[in-house]
C-alpha atoms as a PDB file:
ATOM      1  CA  MET A   1     117.953  92.459  89.980  1.00  0.00           C
ATOM      2  CA  ALA A   2     121.189  91.794  91.856  1.00  0.00           C
ATOM      3  CA  VAL A   3     120.557  91.160  95.556  1.00  0.00           C
ATOM      4  CA  ASN A   4     122.405  93.334  98.056  1.00  0.00           C
ATOM      5  CA  ARG A   5     122.244  91.495 101.386  1.00  0.00           C
ATOM      6  CA  SER A   6     123.081  94.658 103.329  1.00  0.00           C
ATOM      7  CA  LYS A   7     119.894  96.424 102.148  1.00  0.00           C
ATOM      8  CA  PRO A   8     116.215  95.426 102.064  1.00  0.00           C
ATOM      9  CA  ARG A   9     114.991  94.446  98.618  1.00  0.00           C
ATOM     10  CA  TYR A  10     112.677  97.422  98.236  1.00  0.00           C
ATOM     11  CA  ARG A  11     115.574  99.863  98.723  1.00  0.00           C
ATOM     12  CA  VAL A  12     117.690  98.029  96.146  1.00  0.00           C
ATOM     13  CA  LEU A  13     114.798  98.179  93.678  1.00  0.00           C
ATOM     14  CA  SER A  14     114.127 101.835  94.486  1.00  0.00           C
ATOM     15  CA  GLU A  15     117.759 102.747  93.810  1.00  0.00           C
ATOM     16  CA  ALA A  16     117.724 100.796  90.542  1.00  0.00           C
ATOM     17  CA  LEU A  17     114.631 102.672  89.379  1.00  0.00           C
ATOM     18  CA  GLN A  18     116.200 105.971  90.435  1.00  0.00           C
ATOM     19  CA  ARG A  19     119.223 105.212  88.254  1.00  0.00           C
ATOM     20  CA  ASP A  20     116.972 104.370  85.314  1.00  0.00           C
ATOM     21  CA  ILE A  21     115.080 107.654  85.736  1.00  0.00           C
ATOM     22  CA  ARG A  22     118.290 109.691  86.088  1.00  0.00           C
ATOM     23  CA  ARG A  23     119.774 108.117  82.934  1.00  0.00           C
ATOM     24  CA  GLY A  24     116.645 108.842  80.907  1.00  0.00           C
ATOM     25  CA  ARG A  25     115.485 105.251  80.533  1.00  0.00           C
ATOM     26  CA  HIS A  26     112.179 106.454  82.007  1.00  0.00           C
ATOM     27  CA  PRO A  27     111.867 110.111  80.867  1.00  0.00           C
ATOM     28  CA  VAL A  28     109.878 112.747  82.745  1.00  0.00           C
ATOM     29  CA  GLY A  29     106.242 112.345  81.745  1.00  0.00           C
ATOM     30  CA  SER A  30     106.528 108.651  80.983  1.00  0.00           C
ATOM     31  CA  VAL A  31     104.741 105.891  82.881  1.00  0.00           C
ATOM     32  CA  LEU A  32     106.794 103.299  84.747  1.00  0.00           C
ATOM     33  CA  PRO A  33     106.121  99.607  84.065  1.00  0.00           C
ATOM     34  CA  GLY A  34     103.175  98.250  86.073  1.00  0.00           C
ATOM     35  CA  GLU A  35     103.563  96.445  89.390  1.00  0.00           C
ATOM     36  CA  LEU A  36     103.211  92.959  87.908  1.00  0.00           C
ATOM     37  CA  GLU A  37     105.781  93.717  85.196  1.00  0.00           C
ATOM     38  CA  LEU A  38     108.246  95.000  87.823  1.00  0.00           C
ATOM     39  CA  VAL A  39     107.620  91.866  89.919  1.00  0.00           C
ATOM     40  CA  ALA A  40     108.474  89.627  86.969  1.00  0.00           C
ATOM     41  CA  ARG A  41     111.391  91.736  85.720  1.00  0.00           C
ATOM     42  CA  HIS A  42     113.149  92.069  89.082  1.00  0.00           C
ATOM     43  CA  GLN A  43     111.976  88.775  90.655  1.00  0.00           C
ATOM     44  CA  VAL A  44     110.630  90.394  93.820  1.00  0.00           C
ATOM     45  CA  SER A  45     107.298  90.387  95.627  1.00  0.00           C
ATOM     46  CA  ARG A  46     104.483  92.810  94.890  1.00  0.00           C
ATOM     47  CA  HIS A  47     104.920  94.237  98.387  1.00  0.00           C
ATOM     48  CA  THR A  48     108.589  94.993  97.575  1.00  0.00           C
ATOM     49  CA  VAL A  49     107.529  96.815  94.397  1.00  0.00           C
ATOM     50  CA  ARG A  50     104.956  98.906  96.268  1.00  0.00           C
ATOM     51  CA  GLU A  51     107.476  99.902  98.935  1.00  0.00           C
ATOM     52  CA  ALA A  52     110.022 100.854  96.269  1.00  0.00           C
ATOM     53  CA  LEU A  53     107.431 103.022  94.504  1.00  0.00           C
ATOM     54  CA  ARG A  54     106.529 104.613  97.844  1.00  0.00           C
ATOM     55  CA  CYS A  55     110.197 105.615  98.239  1.00  0.00           C
ATOM     56  CA  LEU A  56     110.207 107.180  94.764  1.00  0.00           C
ATOM     57  CA  THR A  57     107.012 109.080  95.613  1.00  0.00           C
ATOM     58  CA  GLU A  58     108.534 110.428  98.841  1.00  0.00           C
ATOM     59  CA  LEU A  59     111.566 111.616  96.860  1.00  0.00           C
ATOM     60  CA  GLY A  60     109.308 113.528  94.469  1.00  0.00           C
ATOM     61  CA  LEU A  61     110.404 111.456  91.463  1.00  0.00           C
ATOM     62  CA  VAL A  62     106.998 109.957  90.613  1.00  0.00           C
ATOM     63  CA  THR A  63     103.308 110.421  91.234  1.00  0.00           C
ATOM     64  CA  ARG A  64     100.868 107.530  91.393  1.00  0.00           C
ATOM     65  CA  ASN A  65      97.586 108.093  89.587  1.00  0.00           C
ATOM     66  CA  ARG A  66      94.690 105.651  89.631  1.00  0.00           C
ATOM     67  CA  GLY A  67      93.776 104.619  86.105  1.00  0.00           C
ATOM     68  CA  ILE A  68      97.039 105.951  84.667  1.00  0.00           C
ATOM     69  CA  GLY A  69      99.870 104.364  86.625  1.00  0.00           C
ATOM     70  CA  THR A  70     103.108 105.644  88.101  1.00  0.00           C
ATOM     71  CA  VAL A  71     104.185 108.767  86.223  1.00  0.00           C
ATOM     72  CA  VAL A  72     107.764 110.108  86.297  1.00  0.00           C
ATOM     73  CA  CYS A  73     107.698 113.791  87.299  1.00  0.00           C
ATOM     74  CA  ALA A  74     111.389 114.564  87.998  1.00  0.00           C
ATOM     75  CA  ARG A  75     114.867 113.216  87.187  1.00  0.00           C
ATOM     76  CA  GLU A  76     116.412 114.161  90.534  1.00  0.00           C
ATOM     77  CA  PRO A  77     114.986 113.972  94.068  1.00  0.00           C
ATOM     78  CA  VAL A  78     113.299 117.112  95.338  1.00  0.00           C
ATOM     79  CA  THR A  79     115.546 118.977  97.786  1.00  0.00           C
ATOM     80  CA  THR A  80     113.910 119.390 101.173  1.00  0.00           C
ATOM     81  CA  HIS A  81     114.850 121.219 104.348  1.00  0.00           C
ATOM     82  CA  VAL A  82     115.794 119.096 107.347  1.00  0.00           C
ATOM     83  CA  GLN A  83     114.287 119.491 110.785  1.00  0.00           C
ATOM     84  CA  HIS A  84     116.731 118.422 113.492  1.00  0.00           C
ATOM     85  CA  LEU A  85     115.165 116.680 116.482  1.00  0.00           C
ATOM     86  CA  GLY A  86     116.621 115.548 119.780  1.00  0.00           C
ATOM     87  CA  SER A  87     114.519 112.365 119.819  1.00  0.00           C
ATOM     88  CA  PRO A  88     111.598 110.751 117.966  1.00  0.00           C
ATOM     89  CA  ALA A  89     109.329 111.924 120.794  1.00  0.00           C
ATOM     90  CA  GLU A  90     109.803 115.546 119.735  1.00  0.00           C
ATOM     91  CA  TRP A  91     107.853 115.033 116.518  1.00  0.00           C
ATOM     92  CA  MET A  92     104.119 115.554 117.046  1.00  0.00           C
ATOM     93  CA  ARG A  93     104.489 116.064 120.795  1.00  0.00           C
ATOM     94  CA  TYR A  94     101.275 115.647 122.794  1.00  0.00           C
ATOM     95  CA  PRO A  95     100.016 118.015 125.508  1.00  0.00           C
ATOM     96  CA  ARG A  96     101.911 117.708 128.783  1.00  0.00           C
ATOM     97  CA  GLY A  97     100.157 115.305 131.131  1.00  0.00           C
ATOM     98  CA  SER A  98      98.255 113.382 128.441  1.00  0.00           C
ATOM     99  CA  ARG A  99      98.625 109.617 128.572  1.00  0.00           C
ATOM    100  CA  LEU A 100      97.758 106.426 126.762  1.00  0.00           C
ATOM    101  CA  GLU A 101      95.010 104.278 128.264  1.00  0.00           C
ATOM    102  CA  LEU A 102      95.182 100.598 127.285  1.00  0.00           C
ATOM    103  CA  ARG A 103      92.044  99.074 125.753  1.00  0.00           C
ATOM    104  CA  ALA A 104      93.018  95.685 124.303  1.00  0.00           C
ATOM    105  CA  VAL A 105      95.961  93.470 123.338  1.00  0.00           C
ATOM    106  CA  ALA A 106      95.669  90.686 120.748  1.00  0.00           C
ATOM    107  CA  GLU A 107      97.747  88.803 118.202  1.00  0.00           C
ATOM    108  CA  ARG A 108      96.756  89.664 114.641  1.00  0.00           C
ATOM    109  CA  THR A 109      97.615  88.309 111.211  1.00  0.00           C
ATOM    110  CA  VAL A 110      97.856  91.347 108.930  1.00  0.00           C
ATOM    111  CA  ASP A 111      96.208  91.526 105.524  1.00  0.00           C
ATOM    112  CA  ALA A 112      97.734  93.098 102.417  1.00  0.00           C
ATOM    113  CA  GLU A 113      96.303  96.580 103.090  1.00  0.00           C
ATOM    114  CA  LEU A 114      97.565  96.742 106.674  1.00  0.00           C
ATOM    115  CA  ALA A 115     100.922  95.272 105.623  1.00  0.00           C
ATOM    116  CA  LEU A 116     101.514  98.375 103.482  1.00  0.00           C
ATOM    117  CA  SER A 117     101.066 100.616 106.534  1.00  0.00           C
ATOM    118  CA  LEU A 118     103.295  98.397 108.666  1.00  0.00           C
ATOM    119  CA  GLY A 119     106.008  98.000 106.031  1.00  0.00           C
ATOM    120  CA  CYS A 120     105.947  94.202 106.332  1.00  0.00           C
ATOM    121  CA  GLU A 121     104.941  91.164 104.316  1.00  0.00           C
ATOM    122  CA  PRO A 122     101.226  90.191 104.323  1.00  0.00           C
ATOM    123  CA  GLU A 123     100.041  87.247 106.435  1.00  0.00           C
ATOM    124  CA  THR A 124     102.633  87.868 109.157  1.00  0.00           C
ATOM    125  CA  SER A 125     101.645  87.883 112.845  1.00  0.00           C
ATOM    126  CA  TRP A 126     101.930  91.030 114.963  1.00  0.00           C
ATOM    127  CA  CYS A 127     100.906  91.990 118.468  1.00  0.00           C
ATOM    128  CA  HIS A 128      98.155  94.614 118.183  1.00  0.00           C
ATOM    129  CA  VAL A 129      97.602  97.080 121.032  1.00  0.00           C
ATOM    130  CA  SER A 130      94.551  99.365 121.076  1.00  0.00           C
ATOM    131  CA  ALA A 131      94.600 102.452 123.289  1.00  0.00           C
ATOM    132  CA  VAL A 132      93.082 105.897 123.675  1.00  0.00           C
ATOM    133  CA  ARG A 133      94.962 109.074 124.525  1.00  0.00           C
ATOM    134  CA  ARG A 134      93.413 110.987 127.390  1.00  0.00           C
ATOM    135  CA  LEU A 135      94.214 114.415 128.760  1.00  0.00           C
ATOM    136  CA  SER A 136      95.402 114.516 132.376  1.00  0.00           C
ATOM    137  CA  GLY A 137      92.983 113.246 135.037  1.00  0.00           C
ATOM    138  CA  ARG A 138      90.610 110.275 135.070  1.00  0.00           C
ATOM    139  CA  ARG A 139      87.874 112.355 133.500  1.00  0.00           C
ATOM    140  CA  GLY A 140      90.188 114.098 131.073  1.00  0.00           C
ATOM    141  CA  ARG A 141      88.879 114.320 127.542  1.00  0.00           C
ATOM    142  CA  ILE A 142      89.892 111.589 125.089  1.00  0.00           C
ATOM    143  CA  ILE A 143      91.667 113.268 122.171  1.00  0.00           C
ATOM    144  CA  GLY A 144      92.617 110.305 120.022  1.00  0.00           C
ATOM    145  CA  TRP A 145      92.866 106.589 119.318  1.00  0.00           C
ATOM    146  CA  SER A 146      96.112 104.638 118.887  1.00  0.00           C
ATOM    147  CA  ASP A 147      96.790 101.319 117.174  1.00  0.00           C
ATOM    148  CA  ILE A 148     100.235 100.003 118.116  1.00  0.00           C
ATOM    149  CA  TYR A 149     101.829  97.055 116.306  1.00  0.00           C
ATOM    150  CA  LEU A 150     104.823  95.049 117.566  1.00  0.00           C
ATOM    151  CA  PRO A 151     106.427  91.842 116.334  1.00  0.00           C
ATOM    152  CA  VAL A 152     105.068  89.032 118.525  1.00  0.00           C
ATOM    153  CA  GLU A 153     108.490  88.485 120.094  1.00  0.00           C
ATOM    154  CA  TYR A 154     108.205  91.951 121.673  1.00  0.00           C
ATOM    155  CA  SER A 155     104.664  91.447 122.992  1.00  0.00           C
ATOM    156  CA  ALA A 156     105.904  91.354 126.605  1.00  0.00           C
ATOM    157  CA  VAL A 157     105.907  95.169 126.670  1.00  0.00           C
ATOM    158  CA  ALA A 158     102.319  95.421 125.384  1.00  0.00           C
ATOM    159  CA  MET A 159     100.525  95.146 128.722  1.00  0.00           C
ATOM    160  CA  ASN A 160     102.602  98.010 130.137  1.00  0.00           C
ATOM    161  CA  VAL A 161     101.447 100.524 127.535  1.00  0.00           C
ATOM    162  CA  GLY A 162     100.192 103.575 129.413  1.00  0.00           C
ATOM    163  CA  LYS A 163     101.339 102.250 132.796  1.00  0.00           C
ATOM    164  CA  ALA A 164     105.104 102.548 133.012  1.00  0.00           C
ATOM    165  CA  GLY A 165     105.445 106.030 131.528  1.00  0.00           C
ATOM    166  CA  GLY A 166     107.787 106.823 128.684  1.00  0.00           C
ATOM    167  CA  PHE A 167     107.343 105.643 125.107  1.00  0.00           C
ATOM    168  CA  VAL A 168     106.841 102.177 123.650  1.00  0.00           C
ATOM    169  CA  TYR A 169     110.049 102.328 121.624  1.00  0.00           C
ATOM    170  CA  GLU A 170     111.954 103.139 124.828  1.00  0.00           C
ATOM    171  CA  ALA A 171     110.448 100.080 126.543  1.00  0.00           C
ATOM    172  CA  ILE A 172     111.552  97.881 123.638  1.00  0.00           C
ATOM    173  CA  GLU A 173     115.053  99.355 123.687  1.00  0.00           C
ATOM    174  CA  LYS A 174     115.344  98.818 127.434  1.00  0.00           C
ATOM    175  CA  ARG A 175     113.956  95.274 127.560  1.00  0.00           C
ATOM    176  CA  PHE A 176     115.239  93.768 124.309  1.00  0.00           C
ATOM    177  CA  GLY A 177     118.227  95.949 123.402  1.00  0.00           C
ATOM    178  CA  THR A 178     116.805  96.773 119.963  1.00  0.00           C
ATOM    179  CA  ARG A 179     117.803 100.342 119.112  1.00  0.00           C
ATOM    180  CA  VAL A 180     115.924 102.785 116.924  1.00  0.00           C
ATOM    181  CA  ALA A 181     118.014 103.621 113.855  1.00  0.00           C
ATOM    182  CA  SER A 182     115.376 105.572 111.939  1.00  0.00           C
ATOM    183  CA  VAL A 183     111.750 106.675 112.210  1.00  0.00           C
ATOM    184  CA  GLU A 184     109.396 107.289 109.293  1.00  0.00           C
ATOM    185  CA  VAL A 185     106.511 109.687 109.972  1.00  0.00           C
ATOM    186  CA  GLU A 186     103.501 109.788 107.661  1.00  0.00           C
ATOM    187  CA  ILE A 187     100.604 112.220 108.135  1.00  0.00           C
ATOM    188  CA  ARG A 188      97.407 111.540 106.251  1.00  0.00           C
ATOM    189  CA  ALA A 189      93.693 112.342 106.183  1.00  0.00           C
ATOM    190  CA  ASP A 190      91.478 109.455 107.269  1.00  0.00           C
ATOM    191  CA  ILE A 191      88.075 108.651 108.751  1.00  0.00           C
ATOM    192  CA  LEU A 192      87.349 107.016 112.095  1.00  0.00           C
ATOM    193  CA  GLU A 193      86.050 103.447 112.101  1.00  0.00           C
ATOM    194  CA  PRO A 194      83.169 102.554 114.503  1.00  0.00           C
ATOM    195  CA  GLU A 195      85.302 101.287 117.430  1.00  0.00           C
ATOM    196  CA  PRO A 196      87.684 104.278 117.633  1.00  0.00           C
ATOM    197  CA  ALA A 197      84.797 106.674 116.977  1.00  0.00           C
ATOM    198  CA  ALA A 198      82.758 105.201 119.859  1.00  0.00           C
ATOM    199  CA  ALA A 199      85.728 105.385 122.241  1.00  0.00           C
ATOM    200  CA  ILE A 200      86.379 109.034 121.366  1.00  0.00           C
ATOM    201  CA  GLY A 201      82.700 109.941 121.383  1.00  0.00           C
ATOM    202  CA  VAL A 202      82.157 110.988 117.778  1.00  0.00           C
ATOM    203  CA  ALA A 203      80.163 109.558 114.875  1.00  0.00           C
ATOM    204  CA  PRO A 204      81.695 106.759 112.744  1.00  0.00           C
ATOM    205  CA  GLY A 205      83.138 108.208 109.563  1.00  0.00           C
ATOM    206  CA  THR A 206      84.238 111.426 111.269  1.00  0.00           C
ATOM    207  CA  PRO A 207      87.275 112.900 109.437  1.00  0.00           C
ATOM    208  CA  SER A 208      90.519 112.438 111.307  1.00  0.00           C
ATOM    209  CA  LEU A 209      94.194 113.271 111.164  1.00  0.00           C
ATOM    210  CA  ALA A 210      96.219 110.043 111.204  1.00  0.00           C
ATOM    211  CA  VAL A 211      99.897 110.040 112.176  1.00  0.00           C
ATOM    212  CA  VAL A 212     101.801 106.869 111.301  1.00  0.00           C
ATOM    213  CA  ARG A 213     105.257 106.243 112.768  1.00  0.00           C
ATOM    214  CA  ARG A 214     107.435 103.320 111.662  1.00  0.00           C
ATOM    215  CA  TYR A 215     110.462 102.563 113.820  1.00  0.00           C
ATOM    216  CA  ARG A 216     113.344 100.698 112.156  1.00  0.00           C
ATOM    217  CA  ASP A 217     116.398  99.031 113.664  1.00  0.00           C
ATOM    218  CA  ALA A 218     119.968  99.004 112.347  1.00  0.00           C
ATOM    219  CA  ARG A 219     119.062  96.229 109.877  1.00  0.00           C
ATOM    220  CA  ASP A 220     116.254  98.431 108.518  1.00  0.00           C
ATOM    221  CA  ARG A 221     113.632  96.079 109.963  1.00  0.00           C
ATOM    222  CA  VAL A 222     110.368  97.645 111.158  1.00  0.00           C
ATOM    223  CA  PHE A 223     109.933  96.650 114.807  1.00  0.00           C
ATOM    224  CA  LEU A 224     107.238  99.087 115.926  1.00  0.00           C
ATOM    225  CA  VAL A 225     104.423 100.919 114.170  1.00  0.00           C
ATOM    226  CA  THR A 226     102.044 103.366 115.820  1.00  0.00           C
ATOM    227  CA  ILE A 227      98.960 104.769 114.094  1.00  0.00           C
ATOM    228  CA  ALA A 228      97.383 107.634 116.033  1.00  0.00           C
ATOM    229  CA  GLU A 229      94.073 109.130 114.893  1.00  0.00           C
ATOM    230  CA  HIS A 230      92.566 112.412 116.067  1.00  0.00           C
ATOM    231  CA  PRO A 231      89.274 114.097 115.163  1.00  0.00           C
ATOM    232  CA  ALA A 232      90.068 117.476 113.637  1.00  0.00           C
ATOM    233  CA  GLU A 233      88.449 119.504 116.421  1.00  0.00           C
ATOM    234  CA  ARG A 234      90.462 117.766 119.166  1.00  0.00           C
ATOM    235  CA  PHE A 235      94.020 118.087 117.929  1.00  0.00           C
ATOM    236  CA  THR A 236      96.073 120.952 116.555  1.00  0.00           C
ATOM    237  CA  TYR A 237      99.772 120.706 115.790  1.00  0.00           C
ATOM    238  CA  ALA A 238     101.853 123.852 115.376  1.00  0.00           C
ATOM    239  CA  PHE A 239     105.597 124.390 115.383  1.00  0.00           C
ATOM    240  CA  ARG A 240     108.183 127.021 114.554  1.00  0.00           C
ATOM    241  CA  LEU A 241     111.330 126.338 112.568  1.00  0.00           C
ATOM    242  CA  GLN A 242     114.467 128.443 112.499  1.00  0.00           C
ATOM    243  CA  ARG A 243     117.054 128.368 109.724  1.00  0.00           C
ATOM    244  CA  SER A 244     120.507 127.192 110.798  1.00  0.00           C
ATOM    245  CA  GLU A 245     123.459 129.563 110.496  1.00  0.00           C
ATOM    246  CA  ASP A 246     124.805 127.844 107.381  1.00  0.00           C
ATOM    247  CA  GLY A 247     121.340 128.030 105.797  1.00  0.00           C
ATOM    248  CA  ARG A 248     121.317 124.327 104.967  1.00  0.00           C
ATOM    249  CA  ALA A 249     118.849 123.055 107.567  1.00  0.00           C
ATOM    250  CA  TRP A 250     115.897 123.989 109.716  1.00  0.00           C
ATOM    251  CA  ILE A 251     115.778 123.377 113.455  1.00  0.00           C
ATOM    252  CA  PRO A 252     112.996 123.798 116.031  1.00  0.00           C
ATOM    253  CA  GLY A 253     112.864 127.443 117.098  1.00  0.00           C
END
């Protein structure tokens, strides 16, 4: 695979696989080569392959099935409507007056599973911030748990989480000059581990809604990841979209 220095390797690989699918090299219904074969063929890491396949999944080109592999389900990306937002904070907005309450800050070396969520290479060091989200007032109900990950060079903002107001990405922008170029939002079903469950006051293993946000800079580097978990009975998200005049996009209504 030819290396394009202006793009991360997983995007280059993703685009190469998209071309192969579009040209019929991998027909609809066929199974893509396995991860190890793609690693050897394109001389990239397994993490790069997994990220490239994640991009294809998000585009609706493939589905990943345990025991079968990665199956091609379309030749062209699925067309989606676009929601226009004024800022990243407008997506999954929390109740007015709720705030983060810092629990712990520690440096952590991420394993392969966590590296997939963070969009980074395994065995890299990150600053890990644990916090709960509480409704207004000292005795306000805790509605969720947040795991926040920053590169260690940005750890200076960690101790101010929940104290200075505003959002973590804004603190990084202000202190270090790193600007948000894009934000990926992933919503998934999960279960609460013992520590978050105890902090929220529910049983371990309680089903939760997990919202993962990955903030990328102009070089497409992930510099902040937040993973917020909420028991189903303590969080509801509803919004209204309105079609734009040209009919090509959807905007908050």
